């Protein structure tokens, strides 16, 4: 399958669930990097949205602990943290619309 079928077009993703042994790729997942300065606020919003949708306490605790780990990472590695971006050229073409999504 080509990149036109991907939801996340910035990364090729191969992710295996640690207990369910299910796999995910860029066709059904997105990837955020711990160095992304927008991620802590994104996770706070996600936690709030999960709560409003009725997610159980395990999910809410999991997201809160993930936020703690991301904030600890960013505090320990400020030199690696950055504002999210999309590079000019091919990345821009892929990310911003020259290639259409085909489900």
Protein backbone atom coordinates (compact mmCIF):
# COMPACT_ATOMS: atom_id res chain seq x y z
CA UNK A 1 0.00 0.00 0.00
CA UNK A 2 1.22 3.47 -0.79
CA UNK A 3 1.41 6.61 1.32
CA UNK A 4 -1.87 7.79 -0.23
CA UNK A 5 -3.60 5.17 1.97
CA UNK A 6 -1.96 6.40 5.18
CA UNK A 7 -3.56 8.48 7.89
CA UNK A 8 -0.14 9.42 9.32
CA UNK A 9 1.97 10.45 6.35
CA UNK A 10 5.02 11.66 8.24
CA UNK A 11 6.09 8.29 9.66
CA UNK A 12 5.95 4.65 8.73
CA UNK A 13 4.58 3.03 11.88
CA UNK A 14 4.91 -0.52 13.10
CA UNK A 15 3.36 -0.68 16.56
CA UNK A 16 2.51 -3.84 18.51
CA UNK A 17 0.17 -3.68 21.50
CA UNK A 18 2.09 -4.95 24.53
CA UNK A 19 -0.67 -7.22 25.87
CA UNK A 20 -3.23 -7.78 23.10
CA UNK A 21 -0.64 -8.62 20.42
CA UNK A 22 -2.47 -6.52 17.84
CA UNK A 23 -0.49 -4.49 15.33
CA UNK A 24 -0.97 -1.00 13.93
CA UNK A 25 0.57 0.95 11.06
CA UNK A 26 0.32 4.42 9.54
CA UNK A 27 -2.95 3.23 7.94
CA UNK A 28 -4.72 3.15 11.32
CA UNK A 29 -2.49 5.04 13.77
CA UNK A 30 -0.73 8.35 14.31
CA UNK A 31 2.60 9.03 15.97
CA UNK A 32 3.50 11.94 18.21
CA UNK A 33 7.08 12.37 19.42
CA UNK A 34 7.94 13.04 23.06
CA UNK A 35 10.12 15.97 21.92
CA UNK A 36 7.07 17.78 20.46
CA UNK A 37 6.45 20.88 22.58
CA UNK A 38 2.73 20.72 21.76
CA UNK A 39 2.35 17.16 23.07
CA UNK A 40 1.77 17.86 26.79
CA UNK A 41 -1.17 20.14 26.03
CA UNK A 42 -2.42 17.65 23.45
CA UNK A 43 -2.39 14.91 26.08
CA UNK A 44 -4.17 17.15 28.59
CA UNK A 45 -6.92 17.76 26.05
CA UNK A 46 -7.08 14.05 25.21
CA UNK A 47 -7.43 13.18 28.91
CA UNK A 48 -10.25 15.69 29.27
CA UNK A 49 -11.99 14.39 26.14
CA UNK A 50 -11.65 10.77 27.30
CA UNK A 51 -13.25 11.72 30.63
CA UNK A 52 -16.14 13.52 28.92
CA UNK A 53 -16.72 10.50 26.68
CA UNK A 54 -16.93 8.23 29.73
CA UNK A 55 -13.60 6.43 29.51
CA UNK A 56 -12.92 4.32 32.57
CA UNK A 57 -10.41 5.14 35.28
CA UNK A 58 -7.74 2.83 33.82
CA UNK A 59 -7.71 4.81 30.57
CA UNK A 60 -7.63 8.13 32.39
CA UNK A 61 -4.81 6.96 34.66
CA UNK A 62 -2.88 5.63 31.66
CA UNK A 63 -3.10 8.98 29.86
CA UNK A 64 -2.14 10.89 33.03
CA UNK A 65 0.92 8.67 33.50
CA UNK A 66 1.84 9.08 29.83
CA UNK A 67 1.66 12.86 30.29
CA UNK A 68 3.93 12.56 33.35
CA UNK A 69 6.48 10.58 31.33
CA UNK A 70 6.41 13.05 28.44
CA UNK A 71 6.85 16.02 30.78
CA UNK A 72 9.73 14.23 32.54
CA UNK A 73 11.35 13.51 29.17
CA UNK A 74 11.01 17.12 28.06
CA UNK A 75 12.39 18.41 31.38
CA UNK A 76 15.37 16.05 31.11
CA UNK A 77 16.03 16.80 27.43
CA UNK A 78 15.10 20.43 26.69
CA UNK A 79 17.74 20.60 23.97
CA UNK A 80 15.83 17.96 21.99
CA UNK A 81 12.40 19.54 22.33
CA UNK A 82 11.04 21.57 19.44
CA UNK A 83 8.03 23.22 17.92
CA UNK A 84 6.35 20.75 15.56
CA UNK A 85 7.02 21.32 11.88
CA UNK A 86 6.66 20.06 8.34
CA UNK A 87 9.71 20.44 6.13
CA UNK A 88 9.49 22.13 2.72
CA UNK A 89 9.59 19.99 -0.38
CA UNK A 90 8.52 16.38 -0.53
CA UNK A 91 7.37 16.24 3.13
CA UNK A 92 5.16 19.28 2.56
CA UNK A 93 3.70 17.71 -0.59
CA UNK A 94 2.89 14.49 1.24
CA UNK A 95 1.60 16.13 4.43
CA UNK A 96 -0.32 19.08 3.03
CA UNK A 97 -2.36 17.81 0.19
CA UNK A 98 -0.62 17.20 -3.09
CA UNK A 99 -1.27 13.48 -2.54
CA UNK A 100 -4.92 12.68 -1.81
CA UNK A 101 -6.05 10.19 0.85
CA UNK A 102 -7.55 6.99 -0.59
CA UNK A 103 -9.26 4.85 2.08
